[in-house]
Amino acid sequence: MDEDCTVKTYRLWLHDYSLETVSRVLEQNGFKVEKTWNSFSGEPYREGGDWIAIAARKV
């Protein structure tokens, strides 16, 4: 990672997103989804899970 990069955490507790809809919102705002999980502890992403954790990069 470049020294100029920063990591930001966004918690969107007030709105439910599917992976498709949150990916579209991120892409429309200049981000690229790099990786997805079903939890912050690294559970592999499977559709239909209760949670979505996303690593996205500003492009």
PDB file of N, CA and C in Angstrom:
ATOM      1  N   MET A   1       0.847  -1.168   0.000  1.00  0.00           N
ATOM      2  CA  MET A   1       0.000   0.000   0.000  1.00  0.00           C
ATOM      3  C   MET A   1       0.895   1.235   0.000  1.00  0.00           C
ATOM      4  N   ASP A   2       0.503   2.238  -0.764  1.00  0.00           N
ATOM      5  CA  ASP A   2       1.228   3.495  -0.799  1.00  0.00           C
ATOM      6  C   ASP A   2       1.116   4.197   0.543  1.00  0.00           C
ATOM      7  N   GLU A   3       2.150   4.960   0.890  1.00  0.00           N
ATOM      8  CA  GLU A   3       2.130   5.693   2.147  1.00  0.00           C
ATOM      9  C   GLU A   3       1.035   6.756   2.175  1.00  0.00           C
ATOM     10  N   ASP A   4       0.612   7.241   1.005  1.00  0.00           N
ATOM     11  CA  ASP A   4      -0.412   8.276   0.928  1.00  0.00           C
ATOM     12  C   ASP A   4      -1.822   7.713   1.108  1.00  0.00           C
ATOM     13  N   CYS A   5      -1.976   6.399   1.100  1.00  0.00           N
ATOM     14  CA  CYS A   5      -3.295   5.771   1.195  1.00  0.00           C
ATOM     15  C   CYS A   5      -3.761   5.735   2.643  1.00  0.00           C
ATOM     16  N   THR A   6      -5.048   5.838   2.810  1.00  0.00           N
ATOM     17  CA  THR A   6      -5.640   5.678   4.126  1.00  0.00           C
ATOM     18  C   THR A   6      -6.762   4.662   4.030  1.00  0.00           C
ATOM     19  N   VAL A   7      -7.059   4.016   5.119  1.00  0.00           N
ATOM     20  CA  VAL A   7      -8.147   3.049   5.182  1.00  0.00           C
ATOM     21  C   VAL A   7      -9.289   3.699   5.942  1.00  0.00           C
ATOM     22  N   LYS A   8     -10.490   3.626   5.388  1.00  0.00           N
ATOM     23  CA  LYS A   8     -11.669   4.185   6.040  1.00  0.00           C
ATOM     24  C   LYS A   8     -12.690   3.080   6.212  1.00  0.00           C
ATOM     25  N   THR A   9     -13.392   3.096   7.316  1.00  0.00           N
ATOM     26  CA  THR A   9     -14.444   2.125   7.586  1.00  0.00           C
ATOM     27  C   THR A   9     -15.778   2.849   7.549  1.00  0.00           C
ATOM     28  N   TYR A  10     -16.718   2.309   6.795  1.00  0.00           N
ATOM     29  CA  TYR A  10     -18.065   2.842   6.730  1.00  0.00           C
ATOM     30  C   TYR A  10     -19.007   1.761   7.249  1.00  0.00           C
ATOM     31  N   ARG A  11     -19.825   2.107   8.200  1.00  0.00           N
ATOM     32  CA  ARG A  11     -20.808   1.170   8.737  1.00  0.00           C
ATOM     33  C   ARG A  11     -22.185   1.697   8.363  1.00  0.00           C
ATOM     34  N   LEU A  12     -22.853   0.978   7.507  1.00  0.00           N
ATOM     35  CA  LEU A  12     -24.153   1.412   6.994  1.00  0.00           C
ATOM     36  C   LEU A  12     -25.248   0.601   7.690  1.00  0.00           C
ATOM     37  N   TRP A  13     -25.501   0.931   8.936  1.00  0.00           N
ATOM     38  CA  TRP A  13     -26.425   0.150   9.738  1.00  0.00           C
ATOM     39  C   TRP A  13     -27.879   0.487   9.451  1.00  0.00           C
ATOM     40  N   LEU A  14     -28.164   1.592   8.820  1.00  0.00           N
ATOM     41  CA  LEU A  14     -29.544   2.041   8.660  1.00  0.00           C
ATOM     42  C   LEU A  14     -30.169   1.645   7.331  1.00  0.00           C
ATOM     43  N   HIS A  15     -29.446   0.925   6.514  1.00  0.00           N
ATOM     44  CA  HIS A  15     -29.971   0.528   5.205  1.00  0.00           C
ATOM     45  C   HIS A  15     -29.435  -0.856   4.861  1.00  0.00           C
ATOM     46  N   ASP A  16     -30.318  -1.710   4.374  1.00  0.00           N
ATOM     47  CA  ASP A  16     -29.892  -3.046   3.947  1.00  0.00           C
ATOM     48  C   ASP A  16     -29.551  -3.017   2.466  1.00  0.00           C
ATOM     49  N   TYR A  17     -28.386  -3.538   2.121  1.00  0.00           N
ATOM     50  CA  TYR A  17     -27.933  -3.617   0.745  1.00  0.00           C
ATOM     51  C   TYR A  17     -27.704  -5.068   0.363  1.00  0.00           C
ATOM     52  N   SER A  18     -27.966  -5.390  -0.877  1.00  0.00           N
ATOM     53  CA  SER A  18     -27.487  -6.658  -1.433  1.00  0.00           C
ATOM     54  C   SER A  18     -26.085  -6.376  -1.959  1.00  0.00           C
ATOM     55  N   LEU A  19     -25.330  -7.420  -2.228  1.00  0.00           N
ATOM     56  CA  LEU A  19     -24.003  -7.202  -2.794  1.00  0.00           C
ATOM     57  C   LEU A  19     -24.119  -6.459  -4.122  1.00  0.00           C
ATOM     58  N   GLU A  20     -25.117  -6.780  -4.899  1.00  0.00           N
ATOM     59  CA  GLU A  20     -25.309  -6.112  -6.189  1.00  0.00           C
ATOM     60  C   GLU A  20     -25.559  -4.614  -6.019  1.00  0.00           C
ATOM     61  N   THR A  21     -26.445  -4.244  -5.098  1.00  0.00           N
ATOM     62  CA  THR A  21     -26.771  -2.823  -4.961  1.00  0.00           C
ATOM     63  C   THR A  21     -25.629  -2.032  -4.328  1.00  0.00           C
ATOM     64  N   VAL A  22     -24.966  -2.577  -3.326  1.00  0.00           N
ATOM     65  CA  VAL A  22     -23.870  -1.836  -2.704  1.00  0.00           C
ATOM     66  C   VAL A  22     -22.683  -1.733  -3.661  1.00  0.00           C
ATOM     67  N   SER A  23     -22.454  -2.765  -4.470  1.00  0.00           N
ATOM     68  CA  SER A  23     -21.376  -2.707  -5.466  1.00  0.00           C
ATOM     69  C   SER A  23     -21.654  -1.609  -6.485  1.00  0.00           C
ATOM     70  N   ARG A  24     -22.892  -1.489  -6.909  1.00  0.00           N
ATOM     71  CA  ARG A  24     -23.266  -0.456  -7.873  1.00  0.00           C
ATOM     72  C   ARG A  24     -23.058   0.940  -7.276  1.00  0.00           C
ATOM     73  N   VAL A  25     -23.477   1.135  -6.028  1.00  0.00           N
ATOM     74  CA  VAL A  25     -23.291   2.433  -5.366  1.00  0.00           C
ATOM     75  C   VAL A  25     -21.804   2.758  -5.256  1.00  0.00           C
ATOM     76  N   LEU A  26     -21.003   1.800  -4.848  1.00  0.00           N
ATOM     77  CA  LEU A  26     -19.562   2.035  -4.739  1.00  0.00           C
ATOM     78  C   LEU A  26     -18.954   2.385  -6.093  1.00  0.00           C
ATOM     79  N   GLU A  27     -19.296   1.631  -7.131  1.00  0.00           N
ATOM     80  CA  GLU A  27     -18.743   1.877  -8.470  1.00  0.00           C
ATOM     81  C   GLU A  27     -19.170   3.239  -9.006  1.00  0.00           C
ATOM     82  N   GLN A  28     -20.409   3.635  -8.751  1.00  0.00           N
ATOM     83  CA  GLN A  28     -20.885   4.942  -9.208  1.00  0.00           C
ATOM     84  C   GLN A  28     -20.154   6.084  -8.509  1.00  0.00           C
ATOM     85  N   ASN A  29     -19.537   5.781  -7.381  1.00  0.00           N
ATOM     86  CA  ASN A  29     -18.818   6.797  -6.621  1.00  0.00           C
ATOM     87  C   ASN A  29     -17.311   6.616  -6.671  1.00  0.00           C
ATOM     88  N   GLY A  30     -16.842   5.886  -7.692  1.00  0.00           N
ATOM     89  CA  GLY A  30     -15.421   5.812  -7.962  1.00  0.00           C
ATOM     90  C   GLY A  30     -14.645   4.752  -7.204  1.00  0.00           C
ATOM     91  N   PHE A  31     -15.331   3.720  -6.716  1.00  0.00           N
ATOM     92  CA  PHE A  31     -14.655   2.640  -6.009  1.00  0.00           C
ATOM     93  C   PHE A  31     -14.749   1.346  -6.794  1.00  0.00           C
ATOM     94  N   LYS A  32     -13.777   0.467  -6.576  1.00  0.00           N
ATOM     95  CA  LYS A  32     -13.781  -0.868  -7.171  1.00  0.00           C
ATOM     96  C   LYS A  32     -13.803  -1.875  -6.031  1.00  0.00           C
ATOM     97  N   VAL A  33     -14.772  -2.782  -6.047  1.00  0.00           N
ATOM     98  CA  VAL A  33     -14.850  -3.829  -5.033  1.00  0.00           C
ATOM     99  C   VAL A  33     -13.702  -4.809  -5.269  1.00  0.00           C
ATOM    100  N   GLU A  34     -12.882  -4.985  -4.259  1.00  0.00           N
ATOM    101  CA  GLU A  34     -11.719  -5.874  -4.350  1.00  0.00           C
ATOM    102  C   GLU A  34     -12.019  -7.264  -3.794  1.00  0.00           C
ATOM    103  N   LYS A  35     -12.743  -7.332  -2.675  1.00  0.00           N
ATOM    104  CA  LYS A  35     -12.997  -8.616  -2.023  1.00  0.00           C
ATOM    105  C   LYS A  35     -14.241  -8.489  -1.159  1.00  0.00           C
ATOM    106  N   THR A  36     -14.953  -9.612  -0.989  1.00  0.00           N
ATOM    107  CA  THR A  36     -16.155  -9.628  -0.160  1.00  0.00           C
ATOM    108  C   THR A  36     -16.119 -10.822   0.790  1.00  0.00           C
ATOM    109  N   TRP A  37     -16.756 -10.624   1.948  1.00  0.00           N
ATOM    110  CA  TRP A  37     -16.886 -11.678   2.952  1.00  0.00           C
ATOM    111  C   TRP A  37     -18.279 -11.604   3.553  1.00  0.00           C
ATOM    112  N   ASN A  38     -18.655 -12.612   4.340  1.00  0.00           N
ATOM    113  CA  ASN A  38     -19.926 -12.589   5.071  1.00  0.00           C
ATOM    114  C   ASN A  38     -19.749 -12.116   6.510  1.00  0.00           C
ATOM    115  N   SER A  39     -18.531 -11.762   6.889  1.00  0.00           N
ATOM    116  CA  SER A  39     -18.297 -11.245   8.238  1.00  0.00           C
ATOM    117  C   SER A  39     -16.965 -10.512   8.258  1.00  0.00           C
ATOM    118  N   PHE A  40     -16.765  -9.709   9.295  1.00  0.00           N
ATOM    119  CA  PHE A  40     -15.492  -9.014   9.456  1.00  0.00           C
ATOM    120  C   PHE A  40     -14.385  -9.961   9.903  1.00  0.00           C
ATOM    121  N   SER A  41     -14.761 -11.169  10.301  1.00  0.00           N
ATOM    122  CA  SER A  41     -13.744 -12.144  10.711  1.00  0.00           C
ATOM    123  C   SER A  41     -13.244 -12.976   9.534  1.00  0.00           C
ATOM    124  N   GLY A  42     -13.750 -12.694   8.328  1.00  0.00           N
ATOM    125  CA  GLY A  42     -13.216 -13.339   7.129  1.00  0.00           C
ATOM    126  C   GLY A  42     -13.989 -14.530   6.618  1.00  0.00           C
ATOM    127  N   GLU A  43     -15.209 -14.719   7.097  1.00  0.00           N
ATOM    128  CA  GLU A  43     -16.043 -15.817   6.585  1.00  0.00           C
ATOM    129  C   GLU A  43     -16.273 -15.607   5.091  1.00  0.00           C
ATOM    130  N   PRO A  44     -15.985 -16.601   4.243  1.00  0.00           N
ATOM    131  CA  PRO A  44     -16.137 -16.425   2.797  1.00  0.00           C
ATOM    132  C   PRO A  44     -17.552 -15.973   2.425  1.00  0.00           C
ATOM    133  N   TYR A  45     -17.646 -15.112   1.414  1.00  0.00           N
ATOM    134  CA  TYR A  45     -18.945 -14.593   0.989  1.00  0.00           C
ATOM    135  C   TYR A  45     -19.779 -15.684   0.337  1.00  0.00           C
ATOM    136  N   ARG A  46     -21.008 -15.785   0.812  1.00  0.00           N
ATOM    137  CA  ARG A  46     -22.022 -16.646   0.194  1.00  0.00           C
ATOM    138  C   ARG A  46     -23.309 -15.839   0.131  1.00  0.00           C
ATOM    139  N   GLU A  47     -23.966 -15.848  -1.003  1.00  0.00           N
ATOM    140  CA  GLU A  47     -25.217 -15.117  -1.161  1.00  0.00           C
ATOM    141  C   GLU A  47     -26.222 -15.592  -0.126  1.00  0.00           C
ATOM    142  N   GLY A  48     -26.976 -14.663   0.423  1.00  0.00           N
ATOM    143  CA  GLY A  48     -28.007 -14.999   1.392  1.00  0.00           C
ATOM    144  C   GLY A  48     -27.556 -14.896   2.838  1.00  0.00           C
ATOM    145  N   GLY A  49     -26.295 -14.523   3.058  1.00  0.00           N
ATOM    146  CA  GLY A  49     -25.814 -14.355   4.428  1.00  0.00           C
ATOM    147  C   GLY A  49     -26.415 -13.116   5.073  1.00  0.00           C
ATOM    148  N   ASP A  50     -26.278 -13.014   6.373  1.00  0.00           N
ATOM    149  CA  ASP A  50     -26.838 -11.872   7.101  1.00  0.00           C
ATOM    150  C   ASP A  50     -26.001 -10.604   6.957  1.00  0.00           C
ATOM    151  N   TRP A  51     -24.708 -10.739   6.662  1.00  0.00           N
ATOM    152  CA  TRP A  51     -23.806  -9.611   6.616  1.00  0.00           C
ATOM    153  C   TRP A  51     -22.982  -9.634   5.336  1.00  0.00           C
ATOM    154  N   ILE A  52     -22.531  -8.448   4.922  1.00  0.00           N
ATOM    155  CA  ILE A  52     -21.590  -8.330   3.802  1.00  0.00           C
ATOM    156  C   ILE A  52     -20.451  -7.426   4.263  1.00  0.00           C
ATOM    157  N   ALA A  53     -19.242  -7.913   4.212  1.00  0.00           N
ATOM    158  CA  ALA A  53     -18.065  -7.094   4.475  1.00  0.00           C
ATOM    159  C   ALA A  53     -17.364  -6.912   3.126  1.00  0.00           C
ATOM    160  N   ILE A  54     -16.960  -5.690   2.823  1.00  0.00           N
ATOM    161  CA  ILE A  54     -16.405  -5.383   1.506  1.00  0.00           C
ATOM    162  C   ILE A  54     -15.089  -4.614   1.654  1.00  0.00           C
ATOM    163  N   ALA A  55     -14.095  -5.014   0.898  1.00  0.00           N
ATOM    164  CA  ALA A  55     -12.880  -4.221   0.744  1.00  0.00           C
ATOM    165  C   ALA A  55     -12.990  -3.577  -0.634  1.00  0.00           C
ATOM    166  N   ALA A  56     -12.970  -2.234  -0.673  1.00  0.00           N
ATOM    167  CA  ALA A  56     -13.087  -1.503  -1.923  1.00  0.00           C
ATOM    168  C   ALA A  56     -11.955  -0.486  -2.000  1.00  0.00           C
ATOM    169  N   ARG A  57     -11.545  -0.211  -3.230  1.00  0.00           N
ATOM    170  CA  ARG A  57     -10.429   0.716  -3.471  1.00  0.00           C
ATOM    171  C   ARG A  57     -10.922   1.868  -4.336  1.00  0.00           C
ATOM    172  N   LYS A  58     -10.506   3.078  -3.986  1.00  0.00           N
ATOM    173  CA  LYS A  58     -10.832   4.265  -4.798  1.00  0.00           C
ATOM    174  C   LYS A  58     -10.004   4.187  -6.079  1.00  0.00           C
ATOM    175  N   VAL A  59     -10.672   4.318  -7.229  1.00  0.00           N
ATOM    176  CA  VAL A  59      -9.977   4.252  -8.514  1.00  0.00           C
ATOM    177  C   VAL A  59     -10.026   5.591  -9.216  1.00  0.00           C
TER     178      VAL A  59
END
